[in-house]
Amino acid sequence: MFHTCNTAVVSLTIHLAAPPVRAARACRVLVAAGSLGHVADNAPDTTSAGETYPGQSLGLPPEGRGSLASWRARIGALIIDWAACMIIAIGFFGTGVLTGGGWRAWMILATFFVESTVLSWLVGGSFGQLVSRIAVVRLDVQPLGLPRALLRAFLVSLALPPLIISAERRGLQDLAAGTVVINRR
């Protein structure tokens, strides 16, 4: 009895952390079995290799060039961008950007906005994204364009939209701009 319940709970935990398609399939398996306490040890494994992966619904490969960028690469790119923008802002506006108030307090963010917009528009990613070897691309395979780069950079600068993400690792800024962050390598 313990093994059966434990298997069901582990299976449920795995599927709840998975994309919605996989979670829905897990719920059907549990409902078909009747209850958590009656799940058989030989219940079908819904995590086989034929299952979906993040980016599959977007037509992206599971790994390698063109696949969804990892969280580690994306966060690393943001840290590199912020550090570079701090250095640039200090160079242009002095150390008041770190400790001062008023307009100077916003110069690091303004530098980030300009850097992210211009580089995303021209080369498909900010400085940190280029270093991390990831890119921002449109889902329809067209060039990113200035309006989308502006919209995306503005939403990232608000800080909240990137924290609300979909199962495909796309924040609100990517959903609004019709973009996705992929690996360049």
Protein backbone atom coordinates (compact mmCIF):
# COMPACT_ATOMS: atom_id res chain seq x y z
CA MET A 1 0.00 0.00 0.00
CA PHE A 2 2.76 2.50 0.91
CA HIS A 3 4.65 1.85 -2.31
CA THR A 4 1.53 2.35 -4.40
CA CYS A 5 0.63 5.66 -2.70
CA ASN A 6 4.22 6.84 -2.79
CA THR A 7 4.45 6.09 -6.52
CA ALA A 8 1.26 8.05 -7.17
CA VAL A 9 2.41 11.04 -5.14
CA VAL A 10 5.82 11.12 -6.86
CA SER A 11 4.11 10.78 -10.24
CA LEU A 12 1.67 13.57 -9.38
CA THR A 13 4.52 15.81 -8.19
CA ILE A 14 6.50 15.25 -11.37
CA HIS A 15 3.49 15.97 -13.55
CA LEU A 16 2.38 19.08 -11.71
CA ALA A 17 5.80 20.63 -12.32
CA ALA A 18 5.63 19.68 -16.00
CA PRO A 19 3.97 21.54 -18.87
CA PRO A 20 0.15 21.63 -18.87
CA VAL A 21 -0.19 18.87 -21.50
CA ARG A 22 1.80 16.44 -19.37
CA ALA A 23 -0.08 17.48 -16.20
CA ALA A 24 -3.44 16.94 -17.89
CA ARG A 25 -2.34 13.49 -19.06
CA ALA A 26 -1.25 12.63 -15.50
CA CYS A 27 -4.64 13.70 -14.15
CA ARG A 28 -6.38 11.42 -16.66
CA VAL A 29 -4.21 8.50 -15.53
CA LEU A 30 -5.02 9.18 -11.86
CA VAL A 31 -8.73 9.60 -12.55
CA ALA A 32 -8.83 6.41 -14.62
CA ALA A 33 -7.20 4.54 -11.75
CA GLY A 34 -10.00 5.66 -9.42
CA SER A 35 -8.00 7.31 -6.65
CA LEU A 36 -4.46 7.88 -5.41
CA GLY A 37 -4.67 4.85 -3.13
CA HIS A 38 -5.54 2.47 -5.94
CA VAL A 39 -2.94 3.38 -8.56
CA ALA A 40 -1.38 0.17 -9.79
CA ASP A 41 2.38 -0.30 -9.77
CA ASN A 42 2.20 -1.05 -13.50
CA ALA A 43 0.38 2.19 -14.37
CA PRO A 44 1.50 3.62 -17.70
CA ASP A 45 4.55 5.85 -17.50
CA THR A 46 3.56 9.21 -18.96
CA THR A 47 7.10 10.63 -18.87
CA SER A 48 8.47 8.59 -21.76
CA ALA A 49 10.84 9.99 -24.35
CA GLY A 50 7.94 10.70 -26.72
CA GLU A 51 6.53 13.37 -24.42
CA THR A 52 6.70 17.07 -25.07
CA TYR A 53 9.59 19.29 -24.00
CA PRO A 54 9.74 23.04 -23.47
CA GLY A 55 9.78 24.67 -26.88
CA GLN A 56 8.25 21.79 -28.85
CA SER A 57 4.93 23.59 -29.32
CA LEU A 58 6.92 26.50 -30.77
CA GLY A 59 8.69 24.21 -33.24
CA LEU A 60 12.07 24.48 -31.50
CA PRO A 61 14.55 21.59 -31.14
CA PRO A 62 14.91 19.95 -27.69
CA GLU A 63 18.56 20.98 -27.31
CA GLY A 64 21.43 22.66 -29.12
CA ARG A 65 21.28 25.58 -31.53
CA GLY A 66 17.80 27.09 -31.72
CA SER A 67 16.50 25.42 -28.55
CA LEU A 68 15.09 27.39 -25.64
CA ALA A 69 17.76 29.15 -23.61
CA SER A 70 18.31 27.81 -20.10
CA TRP A 71 17.43 29.80 -17.01
CA ARG A 72 21.09 29.81 -16.04
CA ALA A 73 22.09 31.47 -19.33
CA ARG A 74 19.25 33.99 -19.13
CA ILE A 75 19.99 35.01 -15.54
CA GLY A 76 23.72 35.15 -16.29
CA ALA A 77 23.01 37.41 -19.27
CA LEU A 78 20.93 39.73 -17.09
CA ILE A 79 23.72 39.96 -14.48
CA ILE A 80 26.29 40.73 -17.20
CA ASP A 81 23.97 43.35 -18.73
CA TRP A 82 23.34 45.05 -15.40
CA ALA A 83 27.05 45.12 -14.50
CA ALA A 84 27.97 46.55 -17.90
CA CYS A 85 25.22 49.18 -17.64
CA MET A 86 26.43 50.15 -14.16
CA ILE A 87 29.95 50.69 -15.50
CA ILE A 88 28.69 52.70 -18.48
CA ALA A 89 26.36 54.82 -16.30
CA ILE A 90 29.15 55.54 -13.81
CA GLY A 91 31.41 56.53 -16.72
CA PHE A 92 28.85 58.97 -18.15
CA PHE A 93 27.11 60.28 -15.02
CA GLY A 94 29.53 59.66 -12.13
CA THR A 95 29.20 57.61 -8.97
CA GLY A 96 25.99 59.46 -8.10
CA VAL A 97 24.14 56.79 -10.08
CA LEU A 98 24.93 54.34 -7.27
CA THR A 99 24.29 56.50 -4.22
CA GLY A 100 22.52 59.64 -5.35
CA GLY A 101 18.87 60.41 -5.79
CA GLY A 102 16.81 62.19 -8.39
CA TRP A 103 17.42 61.61 -12.07
CA ARG A 104 20.84 60.00 -11.52
CA ALA A 105 19.25 57.11 -9.64
CA TRP A 106 17.50 56.11 -12.89
CA MET A 107 20.52 56.24 -15.18
CA ILE A 108 21.55 52.60 -14.79
CA LEU A 109 18.04 51.49 -15.75
CA ALA A 110 17.96 54.02 -18.63
CA THR A 111 21.32 52.71 -19.86
CA PHE A 112 20.00 49.14 -19.63
CA PHE A 113 16.88 50.10 -21.60
CA VAL A 114 18.88 51.77 -24.40
CA GLU A 115 21.51 49.01 -24.53
CA SER A 116 18.92 46.24 -24.58
CA THR A 117 16.77 47.95 -27.20
CA VAL A 118 19.54 48.88 -29.62
CA LEU A 119 21.49 45.63 -29.43
CA SER A 120 18.36 43.45 -29.57
CA TRP A 121 17.23 45.38 -32.63
CA LEU A 122 20.58 45.27 -34.41
CA VAL A 123 22.12 41.92 -33.42
CA GLY A 124 19.30 39.93 -31.79
CA GLY A 125 20.29 40.24 -28.15
CA SER A 126 21.70 42.48 -25.45
CA PHE A 127 25.39 42.54 -24.54
CA GLY A 128 24.86 39.93 -21.81
CA GLN A 129 22.87 37.73 -24.17
CA LEU A 130 25.62 37.91 -26.76
CA VAL A 131 28.23 36.91 -24.16
CA SER A 132 25.97 34.09 -22.91
CA ARG A 133 25.41 32.99 -26.51
CA ILE A 134 21.64 33.34 -26.45
CA ALA A 135 19.40 35.35 -28.79
CA VAL A 136 16.00 36.98 -28.92
CA VAL A 137 14.11 35.97 -32.06
CA ARG A 138 10.60 36.41 -33.39
CA LEU A 139 8.39 33.37 -33.64
CA ASP A 140 7.55 34.16 -37.27
CA VAL A 141 11.27 34.13 -38.26
CA GLN A 142 11.24 37.79 -39.32
CA PRO A 143 13.83 40.33 -38.11
CA LEU A 144 13.08 41.58 -34.58
CA GLY A 145 12.57 45.21 -35.62
CA LEU A 146 12.76 48.37 -33.54
CA PRO A 147 9.14 48.44 -32.27
CA ARG A 148 9.35 44.92 -30.82
CA ALA A 149 12.79 45.57 -29.38
CA LEU A 150 11.45 48.73 -27.70
CA LEU A 151 8.39 46.95 -26.31
CA ARG A 152 10.42 44.02 -25.01
CA ALA A 153 13.10 46.22 -23.40
CA PHE A 154 10.42 48.43 -21.80
CA LEU A 155 8.64 45.42 -20.27
CA VAL A 156 11.90 43.90 -19.03
CA SER A 157 12.77 47.26 -17.46
CA LEU A 158 9.52 47.15 -15.48
CA ALA A 159 10.92 44.02 -13.73
CA LEU A 160 7.54 42.32 -13.12
CA PRO A 161 6.76 41.00 -16.64
CA PRO A 162 9.88 38.78 -16.82
CA LEU A 163 8.84 37.13 -13.55
CA ILE A 164 5.50 35.95 -14.97
CA ILE A 165 6.38 33.08 -17.30
CA SER A 166 4.65 30.49 -19.44
CA ALA A 167 5.45 26.80 -19.74
CA GLU A 168 7.62 27.63 -22.74
CA ARG A 169 9.97 29.83 -20.63
CA ARG A 170 8.47 32.97 -22.14
CA GLY A 171 7.86 35.96 -19.92
CA LEU A 172 5.16 38.53 -20.54
CA GLN A 173 7.69 40.59 -22.50
CA ASP A 174 8.18 37.69 -24.93
CA LEU A 175 4.46 36.96 -25.16
CA ALA A 176 3.68 40.63 -25.90
CA ALA A 177 6.47 41.00 -28.47
CA GLY A 178 5.98 37.57 -30.08
CA THR A 179 9.56 36.57 -29.28
CA VAL A 180 11.44 33.73 -27.64
CA VAL A 181 14.97 33.45 -26.21
CA ILE A 182 16.99 30.67 -27.84
CA ASN A 183 20.52 29.27 -27.80
CA ARG A 184 22.91 30.58 -30.43
CA ARG A 185 25.17 27.52 -30.13
